[in-house]
Amino acid sequence: MPELITPTTAPLDTVAHIIQLALTPIFLLSGIAALLNVFATRLARVGDRVDQIAKEMEGAEPEVIAILSLQLARLRRRSLALDVAVVLAAAGAAATCGSVLTLFVGAVGNKFAASVLFAAFAAAVLCTIGAIIAYTAEMLMTGSGVRAEVAARREPPERG
C-alpha cells in the first residue's frame, strides 16, 4: 500500500506540485466553459437571423427570395461550424474531467494511470484546439458574409 502524504512527511515542493496538478485541469475547464458560452451566444444570433430571414421570405419577390436563400445557406454553414466547435469543446471538457478523475486514481502510483492521465489531458487540449479552429472558421464566414452584404448594399440600384 502506498504511503500517505502527511504534512510531516511531505516536503513543501511535493505539496506544491500536487496543488499545481489539481489546478491545471480546473483552469482548462473554466476556459472551455467560457468558450461554450461564446459559442452558444453566436449560435443564438445565427438562429435569430434565420428567423428574421424566414419572415422576410414570406410573400417576397423571387429575386429577393434568391438573395435571402443565399444568406440562409451561409447561416447554415456558420451553424455547422459552431456545432463542430461545441462538440469539440464538450469533448475537451469531458477529457479534462477524465484527467481530474485519473489524478485521483493515479494517487496509487500506477504507471497505467499516468498513461491515462496523459491521454485524457492531451485529448482535452486537442479538442479545445479543434473547437477554436471551428470557431475561427465560423468567424471568418461571418466576416465574409458581412463584407458581401456591405458590398451588395453599396451597389447603386438599377434604374429602369
Protein backbone atom coordinates (compact mmCIF):
# COMPACT_ATOMS: atom_id res chain seq x y z
CA MET A 1 0.00 0.00 0.00
CA PRO A 2 1.43 3.41 -0.91
CA GLU A 3 2.45 5.76 1.84
CA LEU A 4 0.08 8.56 2.64
CA ILE A 5 1.46 12.05 2.30
CA THR A 6 1.08 13.94 5.53
CA PRO A 7 2.26 17.44 6.35
CA THR A 8 5.07 16.00 8.45
CA THR A 9 6.33 13.57 5.76
CA ALA A 10 5.88 15.62 2.56
CA PRO A 11 8.31 18.32 1.55
CA LEU A 12 6.81 21.65 0.59
CA ASP A 13 7.75 21.14 -3.07
CA THR A 14 5.76 17.90 -3.24
CA VAL A 15 2.65 19.53 -1.78
CA ALA A 16 3.01 22.50 -4.13
CA HIS A 17 3.35 20.12 -7.10
CA ILE A 18 0.18 18.25 -6.10
CA ILE A 19 -1.72 21.52 -5.88
CA GLN A 20 -0.45 22.54 -9.33
CA LEU A 21 -1.56 19.24 -10.80
CA ALA A 22 -5.02 19.66 -9.31
CA LEU A 23 -5.45 23.26 -10.51
CA THR A 24 -4.31 22.89 -14.12
CA PRO A 25 -7.39 20.96 -15.30
CA ILE A 26 -9.66 23.36 -13.43
CA PHE A 27 -8.27 26.34 -15.34
CA LEU A 28 -8.68 24.47 -18.63
CA LEU A 29 -12.26 23.56 -17.71
CA SER A 30 -13.01 27.22 -16.90
CA GLY A 31 -11.62 28.30 -20.27
CA ILE A 32 -13.68 25.67 -22.09
CA ALA A 33 -16.81 26.82 -20.25
CA ALA A 34 -16.14 30.39 -21.39
CA LEU A 35 -15.71 29.16 -24.99
CA LEU A 36 -19.00 27.24 -24.80
CA ASN A 37 -20.72 30.42 -23.61
CA VAL A 38 -19.35 32.33 -26.61
CA PHE A 39 -20.38 29.54 -29.00
CA ALA A 40 -23.91 29.47 -27.56
CA THR A 41 -24.26 33.23 -27.95
CA ARG A 42 -23.09 33.06 -31.57
CA LEU A 43 -25.47 30.19 -32.30
CA ALA A 44 -28.36 32.17 -30.82
CA ARG A 45 -27.53 35.11 -33.10
CA VAL A 46 -27.48 32.79 -36.12
CA GLY A 47 -30.85 31.37 -35.08
CA ASP A 48 -32.33 34.85 -34.66
CA ARG A 49 -31.13 35.82 -38.13
CA VAL A 50 -32.60 32.64 -39.65
CA ASP A 51 -35.98 33.50 -38.09
CA GLN A 52 -35.75 37.05 -39.44
CA ILE A 53 -34.92 35.84 -42.96
CA ALA A 54 -37.73 33.29 -42.89
CA LYS A 55 -40.21 36.08 -42.12
CA GLU A 56 -38.74 38.27 -44.86
CA MET A 57 -39.16 35.45 -47.39
CA GLU A 58 -42.91 35.24 -46.83
CA GLY A 59 -44.53 36.93 -49.82
CA ALA A 60 -41.24 38.33 -51.13
CA GLU A 61 -40.37 38.68 -54.80
CA PRO A 62 -38.42 35.78 -56.41
CA GLU A 63 -35.28 37.91 -56.72
CA VAL A 64 -35.39 38.76 -53.02
CA ILE A 65 -36.06 35.13 -52.13
CA ALA A 66 -32.96 34.10 -54.10
CA ILE A 67 -30.80 36.58 -52.17
CA LEU A 68 -32.29 35.51 -48.86
CA SER A 69 -31.74 31.85 -49.75
CA LEU A 70 -28.03 32.58 -50.22
CA GLN A 71 -27.97 34.19 -46.79
CA LEU A 72 -29.69 31.12 -45.32
CA ALA A 73 -27.06 28.87 -46.90
CA ARG A 74 -24.31 30.98 -45.32
CA LEU A 75 -26.05 30.83 -41.94
CA ARG A 76 -26.33 27.05 -42.27
CA ARG A 77 -22.55 26.78 -42.81
CA ARG A 78 -21.96 29.01 -39.79
CA SER A 79 -24.25 26.91 -37.63
CA LEU A 80 -22.44 23.74 -38.72
CA ALA A 81 -19.07 25.27 -37.79
CA LEU A 82 -20.49 26.25 -34.41
CA ASP A 83 -21.88 22.74 -33.93
CA VAL A 84 -18.40 21.32 -34.50
CA ALA A 85 -16.92 23.85 -32.07
CA VAL A 86 -19.48 22.97 -29.38
CA VAL A 87 -18.98 19.21 -29.78
CA LEU A 88 -15.19 19.54 -29.65
CA ALA A 89 -15.30 21.85 -26.63
CA ALA A 90 -17.67 19.48 -24.82
CA ALA A 91 -15.37 16.55 -25.63
CA GLY A 92 -12.44 18.62 -24.34
CA ALA A 93 -14.34 19.30 -21.13
CA ALA A 94 -15.14 15.60 -20.72
CA ALA A 95 -11.48 14.71 -21.31
CA THR A 96 -10.47 17.31 -18.73
CA CYS A 97 -12.83 15.75 -16.21
CA GLY A 98 -11.30 12.40 -17.11
CA SER A 99 -7.89 13.89 -16.36
CA VAL A 100 -9.05 15.00 -12.92
CA LEU A 101 -10.51 11.58 -12.21
CA THR A 102 -7.27 9.95 -13.33
CA LEU A 103 -5.32 12.22 -10.97
CA PHE A 104 -7.29 10.81 -8.10
CA VAL A 105 -6.92 7.24 -9.32
CA GLY A 106 -3.25 7.86 -10.09
CA ALA A 107 -2.58 8.66 -6.45
CA VAL A 108 -1.86 4.94 -6.05
CA GLY A 109 1.26 5.41 -8.19
CA ASN A 110 0.18 3.27 -11.12
CA LYS A 111 2.00 3.66 -14.46
CA PHE A 112 -1.20 2.84 -16.33
CA ALA A 113 -2.97 5.70 -14.54
CA ALA A 114 -0.19 8.04 -15.62
CA SER A 115 -0.69 6.97 -19.25
CA VAL A 116 -4.44 7.50 -19.00
CA LEU A 117 -3.88 10.92 -17.43
CA PHE A 118 -1.55 11.94 -20.25
CA ALA A 119 -4.01 10.69 -22.90
CA ALA A 120 -7.03 12.37 -21.29
CA PHE A 121 -5.30 15.71 -20.84
CA ALA A 122 -3.87 15.58 -24.36
CA ALA A 123 -7.36 14.82 -25.71
CA ALA A 124 -8.74 17.80 -23.79
CA VAL A 125 -6.15 20.14 -25.26
CA LEU A 126 -6.58 18.75 -28.80
CA CYS A 127 -10.38 19.03 -28.63
CA THR A 128 -10.11 22.59 -27.35
CA ILE A 129 -7.76 23.46 -30.21
CA GLY A 130 -10.24 21.90 -32.65
CA ALA A 131 -13.09 23.91 -31.12
CA ILE A 132 -11.10 27.12 -31.50
CA ILE A 133 -10.35 26.26 -35.14
CA ALA A 134 -14.05 25.60 -35.85
CA TYR A 135 -14.98 28.86 -34.13
CA THR A 136 -12.37 30.69 -36.18
CA ALA A 137 -13.88 29.22 -39.36
CA GLU A 138 -17.32 30.44 -38.27
CA MET A 139 -15.95 33.90 -37.55
CA LEU A 140 -14.32 34.03 -40.98
CA MET A 141 -17.63 33.00 -42.59
CA THR A 142 -19.37 35.74 -40.64
CA GLY A 143 -16.84 38.33 -41.72
CA SER A 144 -17.05 37.39 -45.39
CA GLY A 145 -20.85 37.41 -45.18
CA VAL A 146 -20.88 40.87 -43.65
CA ARG A 147 -18.46 42.17 -46.27
CA ALA A 148 -20.57 40.66 -49.08
CA GLU A 149 -23.70 42.26 -47.68
CA VAL A 150 -21.99 45.65 -47.35
CA ALA A 151 -20.71 45.39 -50.93
CA ALA A 152 -24.19 44.49 -52.19
CA ARG A 153 -25.73 47.45 -50.41
CA ARG A 154 -23.12 49.84 -51.82
CA GLU A 155 -24.01 48.96 -55.40
CA PRO A 156 -26.34 51.55 -56.88
CA PRO A 157 -29.86 50.26 -57.58
CA GLU A 158 -30.73 49.56 -61.20
CA ARG A 159 -32.71 52.31 -62.86
CA GLY A 160 -35.18 51.25 -65.47
